[in-house]
């Protein structure tokens, strides 16, 4: 039954083509519009970043200082549970990293990418970061790219493998409201099971997901690199009781806790990302891993979908 499920899922991916890397030269006028809009909004993010007030010493505004802020994601459909927001990209990071385009380049450099061939991320989650914006959807602008998955070292099709086998993944939100414009990026990191097991959180998956992410990003001797963009990432730890508590209360999937332990240990990793080198950003910009809107089916997309389908059968 599991094999049949994966076969049908792969077949759907091969028909509903949504390329991971989109080019501004795409043939579809609609897709060009999406790219122009995203470029404009990314420029607006950079403008906001350049005009932000002095940062707090922490590099972010504590969401708990606002009446509605929380370090738990908001799951729709009336749920009262959320996932712990257990890592933060500090606003003290290089400005080039703190808007979606640069952030997603950094994510690619540490072997994370958008969901398989740009397919939907499932039910989106929201967060109130206490910055005056209210509940904001995950990811970029319209909620796309809201889940980034481990790509097994393959930036084109690797997230397809993660979707089937499971592994590390995270949701993300930017703190840039008028009452707390740090441009820090808040992450809810966890380890998930395979598609056959419904992508449930793995045992101790919140703590392990965060720790694996930190171990990965800090392990590079000369920094992480992708397409000529190179980054150094350092970590500071916020202990339990400051941003998150060591608890299972109001946490989604509390049953994945270790025996006798709360499902989350309450620690939050604060990552500071420094860009060390820049690649080439051309008009054809193949280094733009942040656009996933579908476009008109072309020969190249058919080839990519066929390769993805073959990959599914072999995975």
C-alpha atoms as a PDB file:
ATOM      1  CA  UNK A   1       0.000   0.000   0.000  1.00  0.00           C
ATOM      2  CA  UNK A   2       2.839   2.416   0.846  1.00  0.00           C
ATOM      3  CA  UNK A   3       4.521   1.684  -2.483  1.00  0.00           C
ATOM      4  CA  UNK A   4       1.269   2.361  -4.341  1.00  0.00           C
ATOM      5  CA  UNK A   5       0.838   5.625  -2.430  1.00  0.00           C
ATOM      6  CA  UNK A   6       4.340   6.810  -3.365  1.00  0.00           C
ATOM      7  CA  UNK A   7       3.812   5.758  -7.002  1.00  0.00           C
ATOM      8  CA  UNK A   8       0.598   7.797  -7.274  1.00  0.00           C
ATOM      9  CA  UNK A   9       2.184  10.743  -5.505  1.00  0.00           C
ATOM     10  CA  UNK A  10       5.141  10.704  -7.877  1.00  0.00           C
ATOM     11  CA  UNK A  11       2.789  10.495 -10.847  1.00  0.00           C
ATOM     12  CA  UNK A  12       0.940  13.587  -9.647  1.00  0.00           C
ATOM     13  CA  UNK A  13       4.235  15.462  -9.305  1.00  0.00           C
ATOM     14  CA  UNK A  14       5.283  14.536 -12.827  1.00  0.00           C
ATOM     15  CA  UNK A  15       2.025  15.886 -14.263  1.00  0.00           C
ATOM     16  CA  UNK A  16       1.642  19.041 -12.130  1.00  0.00           C
ATOM     17  CA  UNK A  17       4.961  20.652 -13.007  1.00  0.00           C
ATOM     18  CA  UNK A  18       6.097  23.531 -10.802  1.00  0.00           C
ATOM     19  CA  UNK A  19       9.822  24.034 -11.267  1.00  0.00           C
ATOM     20  CA  UNK A  20      12.035  24.575  -8.242  1.00  0.00           C
ATOM     21  CA  UNK A  21      14.192  27.194  -9.977  1.00  0.00           C
ATOM     22  CA  UNK A  22      12.306  29.683 -12.129  1.00  0.00           C
ATOM     23  CA  UNK A  23      13.863  32.211 -14.483  1.00  0.00           C
ATOM     24  CA  UNK A  24      12.662  35.763 -15.200  1.00  0.00           C
ATOM     25  CA  UNK A  25      12.878  34.766 -18.899  1.00  0.00           C
ATOM     26  CA  UNK A  26       9.992  32.291 -18.563  1.00  0.00           C
ATOM     27  CA  UNK A  27       7.594  32.210 -21.493  1.00  0.00           C
ATOM     28  CA  UNK A  28       4.485  32.763 -19.396  1.00  0.00           C
ATOM     29  CA  UNK A  29       3.480  36.402 -18.960  1.00  0.00           C
ATOM     30  CA  UNK A  30       1.815  35.448 -15.685  1.00  0.00           C
ATOM     31  CA  UNK A  31       5.001  33.968 -14.303  1.00  0.00           C
ATOM     32  CA  UNK A  32       6.960  37.070 -15.364  1.00  0.00           C
ATOM     33  CA  UNK A  33       4.417  39.130 -13.423  1.00  0.00           C
ATOM     34  CA  UNK A  34       4.970  37.001 -10.327  1.00  0.00           C
ATOM     35  CA  UNK A  35       8.735  37.410 -10.623  1.00  0.00           C
ATOM     36  CA  UNK A  36       8.477  41.166 -11.098  1.00  0.00           C
ATOM     37  CA  UNK A  37       6.167  41.461  -8.103  1.00  0.00           C
ATOM     38  CA  UNK A  38       8.441  39.352  -5.943  1.00  0.00           C
ATOM     39  CA  UNK A  39      11.472  41.352  -7.039  1.00  0.00           C
ATOM     40  CA  UNK A  40       9.639  44.567  -6.181  1.00  0.00           C
ATOM     41  CA  UNK A  41       8.612  43.264  -2.773  1.00  0.00           C
ATOM     42  CA  UNK A  42      12.130  42.034  -2.103  1.00  0.00           C
ATOM     43  CA  UNK A  43      13.362  45.550  -2.940  1.00  0.00           C
ATOM     44  CA  UNK A  44      10.750  46.944  -0.534  1.00  0.00           C
ATOM     45  CA  UNK A  45      12.078  44.600   2.139  1.00  0.00           C
ATOM     46  CA  UNK A  46      15.589  45.914   1.549  1.00  0.00           C
ATOM     47  CA  UNK A  47      14.321  49.517   1.815  1.00  0.00           C
ATOM     48  CA  UNK A  48      12.584  48.702   5.101  1.00  0.00           C
ATOM     49  CA  UNK A  49      15.752  47.022   6.313  1.00  0.00           C
ATOM     50  CA  UNK A  50      17.827  50.114   5.534  1.00  0.00           C
ATOM     51  CA  UNK A  51      15.434  52.372   7.468  1.00  0.00           C
ATOM     52  CA  UNK A  52      14.874  50.210  10.534  1.00  0.00           C
ATOM     53  CA  UNK A  53      15.601  51.669  13.988  1.00  0.00           C
ATOM     54  CA  UNK A  54      18.599  50.537  16.072  1.00  0.00           C
ATOM     55  CA  UNK A  55      18.328  46.862  16.942  1.00  0.00           C
ATOM     56  CA  UNK A  56      17.911  45.518  20.447  1.00  0.00           C
ATOM     57  CA  UNK A  57      21.038  43.878  21.832  1.00  0.00           C
ATOM     58  CA  UNK A  58      19.548  40.452  21.155  1.00  0.00           C
ATOM     59  CA  UNK A  59      19.198  41.126  17.421  1.00  0.00           C
ATOM     60  CA  UNK A  60      15.413  40.595  17.510  1.00  0.00           C
ATOM     61  CA  UNK A  61      12.357  41.776  19.418  1.00  0.00           C
ATOM     62  CA  UNK A  62      11.025  39.307  21.962  1.00  0.00           C
ATOM     63  CA  UNK A  63       7.526  38.363  20.750  1.00  0.00           C
ATOM     64  CA  UNK A  64       6.474  37.685  24.345  1.00  0.00           C
ATOM     65  CA  UNK A  65       6.822  41.389  25.185  1.00  0.00           C
ATOM     66  CA  UNK A  66       3.743  42.089  23.047  1.00  0.00           C
ATOM     67  CA  UNK A  67       0.281  41.147  24.251  1.00  0.00           C
ATOM     68  CA  UNK A  68      -0.431  38.889  21.276  1.00  0.00           C
ATOM     69  CA  UNK A  69       3.072  37.644  20.445  1.00  0.00           C
ATOM     70  CA  UNK A  70       4.036  33.995  20.761  1.00  0.00           C
ATOM     71  CA  UNK A  71       6.942  31.646  20.116  1.00  0.00           C
ATOM     72  CA  UNK A  72       4.524  28.983  18.910  1.00  0.00           C
ATOM     73  CA  UNK A  73       3.225  28.804  15.379  1.00  0.00           C
ATOM     74  CA  UNK A  74      -0.486  29.110  14.759  1.00  0.00           C
ATOM     75  CA  UNK A  75      -2.122  26.101  13.157  1.00  0.00           C
ATOM     76  CA  UNK A  76      -5.390  27.059  11.381  1.00  0.00           C
ATOM     77  CA  UNK A  77      -8.731  25.300  11.552  1.00  0.00           C
ATOM     78  CA  UNK A  78      -9.336  26.227  15.184  1.00  0.00           C
ATOM     79  CA  UNK A  79      -6.424  24.304  16.648  1.00  0.00           C
ATOM     80  CA  UNK A  80      -5.066  25.533  19.990  1.00  0.00           C
ATOM     81  CA  UNK A  81      -1.720  23.806  19.491  1.00  0.00           C
ATOM     82  CA  UNK A  82       1.338  25.052  17.617  1.00  0.00           C
ATOM     83  CA  UNK A  83       4.911  24.132  16.777  1.00  0.00           C
ATOM     84  CA  UNK A  84       7.785  25.678  18.735  1.00  0.00           C
ATOM     85  CA  UNK A  85       9.654  28.500  16.995  1.00  0.00           C
ATOM     86  CA  UNK A  86      13.015  27.243  18.174  1.00  0.00           C
ATOM     87  CA  UNK A  87      15.592  29.096  16.044  1.00  0.00           C
ATOM     88  CA  UNK A  88      16.092  32.715  14.960  1.00  0.00           C
ATOM     89  CA  UNK A  89      18.258  34.272  12.253  1.00  0.00           C
ATOM     90  CA  UNK A  90      19.466  37.372  14.117  1.00  0.00           C
ATOM     91  CA  UNK A  91      18.799  40.815  12.720  1.00  0.00           C
ATOM     92  CA  UNK A  92      22.519  41.400  13.232  1.00  0.00           C
ATOM     93  CA  UNK A  93      23.190  39.109  10.274  1.00  0.00           C
ATOM     94  CA  UNK A  94      24.360  40.574   6.973  1.00  0.00           C
ATOM     95  CA  UNK A  95      21.553  42.668   5.490  1.00  0.00           C
ATOM     96  CA  UNK A  96      21.772  40.659   2.277  1.00  0.00           C
ATOM     97  CA  UNK A  97      20.523  37.601   4.196  1.00  0.00           C
ATOM     98  CA  UNK A  98      17.544  39.229   5.916  1.00  0.00           C
ATOM     99  CA  UNK A  99      15.164  39.466   2.947  1.00  0.00           C
ATOM    100  CA  UNK A 100      13.660  36.440   1.181  1.00  0.00           C
ATOM    101  CA  UNK A 101      15.971  36.269  -1.818  1.00  0.00           C
ATOM    102  CA  UNK A 102      19.177  36.370   0.226  1.00  0.00           C
ATOM    103  CA  UNK A 103      17.754  34.190   2.974  1.00  0.00           C
ATOM    104  CA  UNK A 104      16.817  31.470   0.511  1.00  0.00           C
ATOM    105  CA  UNK A 105      20.268  31.619  -1.067  1.00  0.00           C
ATOM    106  CA  UNK A 106      21.741  31.017   2.389  1.00  0.00           C
ATOM    107  CA  UNK A 107      19.283  28.158   2.949  1.00  0.00           C
ATOM    108  CA  UNK A 108      20.380  26.590  -0.337  1.00  0.00           C
ATOM    109  CA  UNK A 109      24.007  26.865   0.779  1.00  0.00           C
ATOM    110  CA  UNK A 110      23.232  24.697   3.816  1.00  0.00           C
ATOM    111  CA  UNK A 111      21.328  22.115   1.731  1.00  0.00           C
ATOM    112  CA  UNK A 112      17.736  23.208   2.270  1.00  0.00           C
ATOM    113  CA  UNK A 113      15.251  24.053  -0.463  1.00  0.00           C
ATOM    114  CA  UNK A 114      11.615  24.674  -1.287  1.00  0.00           C
ATOM    115  CA  UNK A 115       9.223  21.753  -1.414  1.00  0.00           C
ATOM    116  CA  UNK A 116       9.504  19.187  -4.189  1.00  0.00           C
ATOM    117  CA  UNK A 117       9.206  20.891  -7.611  1.00  0.00           C
ATOM    118  CA  UNK A 118       7.424  23.804  -5.967  1.00  0.00           C
ATOM    119  CA  UNK A 119       4.417  21.751  -4.922  1.00  0.00           C
ATOM    120  CA  UNK A 120       2.211  22.923  -2.062  1.00  0.00           C
ATOM    121  CA  UNK A 121       3.559  22.762   1.474  1.00  0.00           C
ATOM    122  CA  UNK A 122       0.397  21.338   2.965  1.00  0.00           C
ATOM    123  CA  UNK A 123      -1.620  23.457   5.390  1.00  0.00           C
ATOM    124  CA  UNK A 124       0.189  26.774   5.967  1.00  0.00           C
ATOM    125  CA  UNK A 125       0.933  27.902   9.478  1.00  0.00           C
ATOM    126  CA  UNK A 126       1.038  31.433  10.841  1.00  0.00           C
ATOM    127  CA  UNK A 127       2.944  33.300  13.527  1.00  0.00           C
ATOM    128  CA  UNK A 128       2.443  36.468  15.565  1.00  0.00           C
ATOM    129  CA  UNK A 129       5.943  37.758  16.235  1.00  0.00           C
ATOM    130  CA  UNK A 130       4.772  40.652  18.404  1.00  0.00           C
ATOM    131  CA  UNK A 131       5.853  43.221  15.797  1.00  0.00           C
ATOM    132  CA  UNK A 132       2.460  44.805  15.179  1.00  0.00           C
ATOM    133  CA  UNK A 133       1.796  42.887  11.975  1.00  0.00           C
ATOM    134  CA  UNK A 134      -0.504  40.327  13.575  1.00  0.00           C
ATOM    135  CA  UNK A 135      -0.765  36.798  12.229  1.00  0.00           C
ATOM    136  CA  UNK A 136       1.529  36.450   9.212  1.00  0.00           C
ATOM    137  CA  UNK A 137       1.652  33.458   6.918  1.00  0.00           C
ATOM    138  CA  UNK A 138       4.810  31.400   6.605  1.00  0.00           C
ATOM    139  CA  UNK A 139       7.351  32.157   3.895  1.00  0.00           C
ATOM    140  CA  UNK A 140       7.272  34.833   1.223  1.00  0.00           C
ATOM    141  CA  UNK A 141       4.493  37.344   0.669  1.00  0.00           C
ATOM    142  CA  UNK A 142       1.756  34.975  -0.559  1.00  0.00           C
ATOM    143  CA  UNK A 143       2.769  32.027   1.634  1.00  0.00           C
ATOM    144  CA  UNK A 144       4.932  30.293  -0.952  1.00  0.00           C
ATOM    145  CA  UNK A 145       8.292  28.810   0.049  1.00  0.00           C
ATOM    146  CA  UNK A 146       7.033  28.585   3.610  1.00  0.00           C
ATOM    147  CA  UNK A 147       8.512  25.128   4.233  1.00  0.00           C
ATOM    148  CA  UNK A 148      12.180  24.492   3.460  1.00  0.00           C
ATOM    149  CA  UNK A 149      13.331  20.880   3.390  1.00  0.00           C
ATOM    150  CA  UNK A 150      16.676  19.105   3.601  1.00  0.00           C
ATOM    151  CA  UNK A 151      17.785  18.417   0.030  1.00  0.00           C
ATOM    152  CA  UNK A 152      20.268  15.574   0.605  1.00  0.00           C
ATOM    153  CA  UNK A 153      22.939  17.571  -1.250  1.00  0.00           C
ATOM    154  CA  UNK A 154      20.858  17.872  -4.443  1.00  0.00           C
ATOM    155  CA  UNK A 155      19.421  21.408  -4.858  1.00  0.00           C
ATOM    156  CA  UNK A 156      17.202  20.415  -7.799  1.00  0.00           C
ATOM    157  CA  UNK A 157      15.396  17.214  -6.759  1.00  0.00           C
ATOM    158  CA  UNK A 158      16.681  16.529  -3.246  1.00  0.00           C
ATOM    159  CA  UNK A 159      13.628  17.927  -1.497  1.00  0.00           C
ATOM    160  CA  UNK A 160      11.554  15.348  -3.403  1.00  0.00           C
ATOM    161  CA  UNK A 161      13.579  12.691  -1.618  1.00  0.00           C
ATOM    162  CA  UNK A 162      12.970  14.419   1.714  1.00  0.00           C
ATOM    163  CA  UNK A 163       9.256  14.520   0.995  1.00  0.00           C
ATOM    164  CA  UNK A 164       9.233  10.728   0.591  1.00  0.00           C
ATOM    165  CA  UNK A 165      11.811   9.663   3.177  1.00  0.00           C
ATOM    166  CA  UNK A 166      11.448  12.481   5.714  1.00  0.00           C
ATOM    167  CA  UNK A 167      14.236  14.391   7.484  1.00  0.00           C
ATOM    168  CA  UNK A 168      14.879  17.959   8.614  1.00  0.00           C
ATOM    169  CA  UNK A 169      12.639  20.857   7.602  1.00  0.00           C
ATOM    170  CA  UNK A 170      11.548  24.253   8.877  1.00  0.00           C
ATOM    171  CA  UNK A 171       8.908  26.954   8.483  1.00  0.00           C
ATOM    172  CA  UNK A 172       9.919  30.610   8.585  1.00  0.00           C
ATOM    173  CA  UNK A 173       8.582  34.113   9.213  1.00  0.00           C
ATOM    174  CA  UNK A 174      10.224  37.581   9.012  1.00  0.00           C
ATOM    175  CA  UNK A 175       9.797  40.015  11.928  1.00  0.00           C
ATOM    176  CA  UNK A 176       9.368  43.390  10.210  1.00  0.00           C
ATOM    177  CA  UNK A 177       6.171  44.964  11.507  1.00  0.00           C
ATOM    178  CA  UNK A 178       5.961  48.635  12.428  1.00  0.00           C
ATOM    179  CA  UNK A 179       6.238  47.889  16.162  1.00  0.00           C
ATOM    180  CA  UNK A 180       9.229  45.559  15.914  1.00  0.00           C
ATOM    181  CA  UNK A 181      11.165  45.869  12.680  1.00  0.00           C
ATOM    182  CA  UNK A 182      14.261  43.742  13.270  1.00  0.00           C
ATOM    183  CA  UNK A 183      14.071  41.748  10.022  1.00  0.00           C
ATOM    184  CA  UNK A 184      15.104  38.747  12.112  1.00  0.00           C
ATOM    185  CA  UNK A 185      13.801  35.494  10.648  1.00  0.00           C
ATOM    186  CA  UNK A 186      12.056  33.102  13.020  1.00  0.00           C
ATOM    187  CA  UNK A 187      12.199  29.359  12.296  1.00  0.00           C
ATOM    188  CA  UNK A 188      10.137  26.404  13.498  1.00  0.00           C
ATOM    189  CA  UNK A 189      12.516  23.484  12.939  1.00  0.00           C
ATOM    190  CA  UNK A 190      11.722  19.780  13.278  1.00  0.00           C
ATOM    191  CA  UNK A 191      12.452  16.302  11.974  1.00  0.00           C
ATOM    192  CA  UNK A 192       9.563  14.714  10.091  1.00  0.00           C
ATOM    193  CA  UNK A 193       8.682  11.141   9.199  1.00  0.00           C
ATOM    194  CA  UNK A 194       8.261   9.833   5.652  1.00  0.00           C
ATOM    195  CA  UNK A 195       5.258  10.486   3.419  1.00  0.00           C
ATOM    196  CA  UNK A 196       4.087   6.932   4.106  1.00  0.00           C
ATOM    197  CA  UNK A 197       3.841   7.885   7.800  1.00  0.00           C
ATOM    198  CA  UNK A 198       2.026  11.123   7.065  1.00  0.00           C
ATOM    199  CA  UNK A 199       4.990  13.452   7.731  1.00  0.00           C
ATOM    200  CA  UNK A 200       4.378  13.178  11.453  1.00  0.00           C
ATOM    201  CA  UNK A 201       7.055  14.711  13.688  1.00  0.00           C
ATOM    202  CA  UNK A 202       9.744  12.161  14.588  1.00  0.00           C
ATOM    203  CA  UNK A 203      10.544  11.100  18.136  1.00  0.00           C
ATOM    204  CA  UNK A 204      12.109  14.106  19.910  1.00  0.00           C
ATOM    205  CA  UNK A 205      11.789  15.765  16.508  1.00  0.00           C
ATOM    206  CA  UNK A 206      11.613  19.396  17.640  1.00  0.00           C
ATOM    207  CA  UNK A 207      14.835  19.291  19.660  1.00  0.00           C
ATOM    208  CA  UNK A 208      16.663  17.082  17.162  1.00  0.00           C
ATOM    209  CA  UNK A 209      15.570  19.153  14.178  1.00  0.00           C
ATOM    210  CA  UNK A 210      16.892  22.346  15.758  1.00  0.00           C
ATOM    211  CA  UNK A 211      20.121  20.686  16.899  1.00  0.00           C
ATOM    212  CA  UNK A 212      20.751  19.095  13.496  1.00  0.00           C
ATOM    213  CA  UNK A 213      20.201  22.445  11.783  1.00  0.00           C
ATOM    214  CA  UNK A 214      22.672  24.149  14.142  1.00  0.00           C
ATOM    215  CA  UNK A 215      25.203  21.351  13.767  1.00  0.00           C
ATOM    216  CA  UNK A 216      24.922  21.579  10.000  1.00  0.00           C
ATOM    217  CA  UNK A 217      25.272  25.350   9.632  1.00  0.00           C
ATOM    218  CA  UNK A 218      28.216  25.628  12.035  1.00  0.00           C
ATOM    219  CA  UNK A 219      30.195  22.693  10.638  1.00  0.00           C
ATOM    220  CA  UNK A 220      31.717  24.388   7.578  1.00  0.00           C
ATOM    221  CA  UNK A 221      35.436  25.184   7.854  1.00  0.00           C
ATOM    222  CA  UNK A 222      35.355  27.923   5.206  1.00  0.00           C
ATOM    223  CA  UNK A 223      31.662  28.716   5.319  1.00  0.00           C
ATOM    224  CA  UNK A 224      28.700  27.285   3.425  1.00  0.00           C
ATOM    225  CA  UNK A 225      28.565  28.100  -0.284  1.00  0.00           C
ATOM    226  CA  UNK A 226      26.177  28.048  -3.203  1.00  0.00           C
ATOM    227  CA  UNK A 227      26.641  29.542  -6.668  1.00  0.00           C
ATOM    228  CA  UNK A 228      29.479  31.753  -5.471  1.00  0.00           C
ATOM    229  CA  UNK A 229      27.600  33.056  -2.422  1.00  0.00           C
ATOM    230  CA  UNK A 230      29.453  32.074   0.766  1.00  0.00           C
ATOM    231  CA  UNK A 231      28.353  32.439   4.379  1.00  0.00           C
ATOM    232  CA  UNK A 232      29.645  31.962   7.903  1.00  0.00           C
ATOM    233  CA  UNK A 233      27.088  31.124  10.584  1.00  0.00           C
ATOM    234  CA  UNK A 234      27.575  31.268  14.353  1.00  0.00           C
ATOM    235  CA  UNK A 235      25.175  30.323  17.147  1.00  0.00           C
ATOM    236  CA  UNK A 236      24.234  31.585  20.589  1.00  0.00           C
ATOM    237  CA  UNK A 237      21.791  29.707  22.775  1.00  0.00           C
ATOM    238  CA  UNK A 238      18.859  31.216  24.667  1.00  0.00           C
ATOM    239  CA  UNK A 239      18.109  28.961  27.657  1.00  0.00           C
ATOM    240  CA  UNK A 240      14.704  27.540  28.493  1.00  0.00           C
ATOM    241  CA  UNK A 241      12.351  29.908  30.278  1.00  0.00           C
ATOM    242  CA  UNK A 242      13.223  33.031  28.267  1.00  0.00           C
ATOM    243  CA  UNK A 243      11.523  32.550  24.891  1.00  0.00           C
ATOM    244  CA  UNK A 244      10.196  28.989  25.207  1.00  0.00           C
ATOM    245  CA  UNK A 245       9.542  26.780  28.198  1.00  0.00           C
ATOM    246  CA  UNK A 246      10.540  23.145  28.594  1.00  0.00           C
ATOM    247  CA  UNK A 247       7.014  21.801  28.248  1.00  0.00           C
ATOM    248  CA  UNK A 248       4.541  19.791  26.207  1.00  0.00           C
ATOM    249  CA  UNK A 249       1.733  22.244  26.949  1.00  0.00           C
ATOM    250  CA  UNK A 250       0.023  23.553  23.783  1.00  0.00           C
ATOM    251  CA  UNK A 251       2.633  21.857  21.562  1.00  0.00           C
ATOM    252  CA  UNK A 252       1.452  19.981  18.488  1.00  0.00           C
ATOM    253  CA  UNK A 253       2.335  16.261  18.543  1.00  0.00           C
ATOM    254  CA  UNK A 254       3.171  16.083  22.282  1.00  0.00           C
ATOM    255  CA  UNK A 255       3.320  12.299  21.954  1.00  0.00           C
ATOM    256  CA  UNK A 256       6.750  12.453  20.254  1.00  0.00           C
ATOM    257  CA  UNK A 257       8.476  13.415  23.505  1.00  0.00           C
ATOM    258  CA  UNK A 258      11.149  11.137  24.937  1.00  0.00           C
ATOM    259  CA  UNK A 259       9.926   9.052  27.896  1.00  0.00           C
ATOM    260  CA  UNK A 260       9.597  11.211  30.983  1.00  0.00           C
ATOM    261  CA  UNK A 261      10.627  14.382  29.109  1.00  0.00           C
ATOM    262  CA  UNK A 262       8.714  17.379  27.732  1.00  0.00           C
ATOM    263  CA  UNK A 263       8.332  17.424  23.971  1.00  0.00           C
ATOM    264  CA  UNK A 264      10.553  20.518  23.719  1.00  0.00           C
ATOM    265  CA  UNK A 265      13.486  21.457  25.936  1.00  0.00           C
ATOM    266  CA  UNK A 266      12.798  25.194  25.670  1.00  0.00           C
ATOM    267  CA  UNK A 267      16.162  26.237  24.192  1.00  0.00           C
ATOM    268  CA  UNK A 268      16.254  28.575  21.203  1.00  0.00           C
ATOM    269  CA  UNK A 269      19.210  28.840  18.804  1.00  0.00           C
ATOM    270  CA  UNK A 270      20.036  32.365  17.632  1.00  0.00           C
ATOM    271  CA  UNK A 271      22.047  32.229  14.409  1.00  0.00           C
ATOM    272  CA  UNK A 272      24.084  35.122  13.035  1.00  0.00           C
ATOM    273  CA  UNK A 273      24.801  34.746   9.324  1.00  0.00           C
ATOM    274  CA  UNK A 274      27.616  36.749   7.744  1.00  0.00           C
ATOM    275  CA  UNK A 275      27.925  36.833   3.976  1.00  0.00           C
ATOM    276  CA  UNK A 276      31.578  36.365   3.009  1.00  0.00           C
ATOM    277  CA  UNK A 277      31.372  36.403  -0.788  1.00  0.00           C
ATOM    278  CA  UNK A 278      28.845  37.216  -3.497  1.00  0.00           C
ATOM    279  CA  UNK A 279      28.120  35.277  -6.666  1.00  0.00           C
ATOM    280  CA  UNK A 280      26.891  36.673  -9.947  1.00  0.00           C
ATOM    281  CA  UNK A 281      23.262  37.836 -10.035  1.00  0.00           C
ATOM    282  CA  UNK A 282      22.395  38.127 -13.724  1.00  0.00           C
ATOM    283  CA  UNK A 283      19.143  38.769 -15.558  1.00  0.00           C
ATOM    284  CA  UNK A 284      18.746  35.039 -16.130  1.00  0.00           C
ATOM    285  CA  UNK A 285      19.529  34.539 -12.438  1.00  0.00           C
ATOM    286  CA  UNK A 286      19.639  30.790 -11.984  1.00  0.00           C
ATOM    287  CA  UNK A 287      20.629  31.656  -8.419  1.00  0.00           C
ATOM    288  CA  UNK A 288      17.073  32.606  -7.560  1.00  0.00           C
ATOM    289  CA  UNK A 289      15.738  29.652  -5.562  1.00  0.00           C
ATOM    290  CA  UNK A 290      12.761  31.559  -4.226  1.00  0.00           C
ATOM    291  CA  UNK A 291      10.251  31.585  -7.078  1.00  0.00           C
ATOM    292  CA  UNK A 292       8.034  28.533  -7.283  1.00  0.00           C
ATOM    293  CA  UNK A 293       4.934  29.671  -9.151  1.00  0.00           C
ATOM    294  CA  UNK A 294       3.952  27.335 -11.995  1.00  0.00           C
ATOM    295  CA  UNK A 295       4.429  28.492 -15.574  1.00  0.00           C
ATOM    296  CA  UNK A 296       3.461  27.275 -19.027  1.00  0.00           C
ATOM    297  CA  UNK A 297       4.555  23.687 -19.629  1.00  0.00           C
ATOM    298  CA  UNK A 298       7.755  23.704 -21.687  1.00  0.00           C
ATOM    299  CA  UNK A 299      10.107  21.038 -23.003  1.00  0.00           C
ATOM    300  CA  UNK A 300      12.544  21.740 -20.176  1.00  0.00           C
ATOM    301  CA  UNK A 301       9.817  21.346 -17.539  1.00  0.00           C
ATOM    302  CA  UNK A 302       8.728  18.056 -19.123  1.00  0.00           C
ATOM    303  CA  UNK A 303      12.319  16.814 -18.904  1.00  0.00           C
ATOM    304  CA  UNK A 304      12.565  17.910 -15.258  1.00  0.00           C
ATOM    305  CA  UNK A 305       9.251  16.270 -14.387  1.00  0.00           C
ATOM    306  CA  UNK A 306      10.295  13.045 -16.137  1.00  0.00           C
ATOM    307  CA  UNK A 307      13.525  12.982 -14.186  1.00  0.00           C
ATOM    308  CA  UNK A 308      11.599  13.616 -10.977  1.00  0.00           C
ATOM    309  CA  UNK A 309       9.233  10.770 -11.799  1.00  0.00           C
ATOM    310  CA  UNK A 310      12.139   8.426 -12.480  1.00  0.00           C
ATOM    311  CA  UNK A 311      13.742   9.540  -9.232  1.00  0.00           C
ATOM    312  CA  UNK A 312      10.567   8.711  -7.353  1.00  0.00           C
ATOM    313  CA  UNK A 313      10.505   5.214  -8.764  1.00  0.00           C
ATOM    314  CA  UNK A 314      14.130   4.648  -7.708  1.00  0.00           C
ATOM    315  CA  UNK A 315      14.002   6.332  -4.293  1.00  0.00           C
END
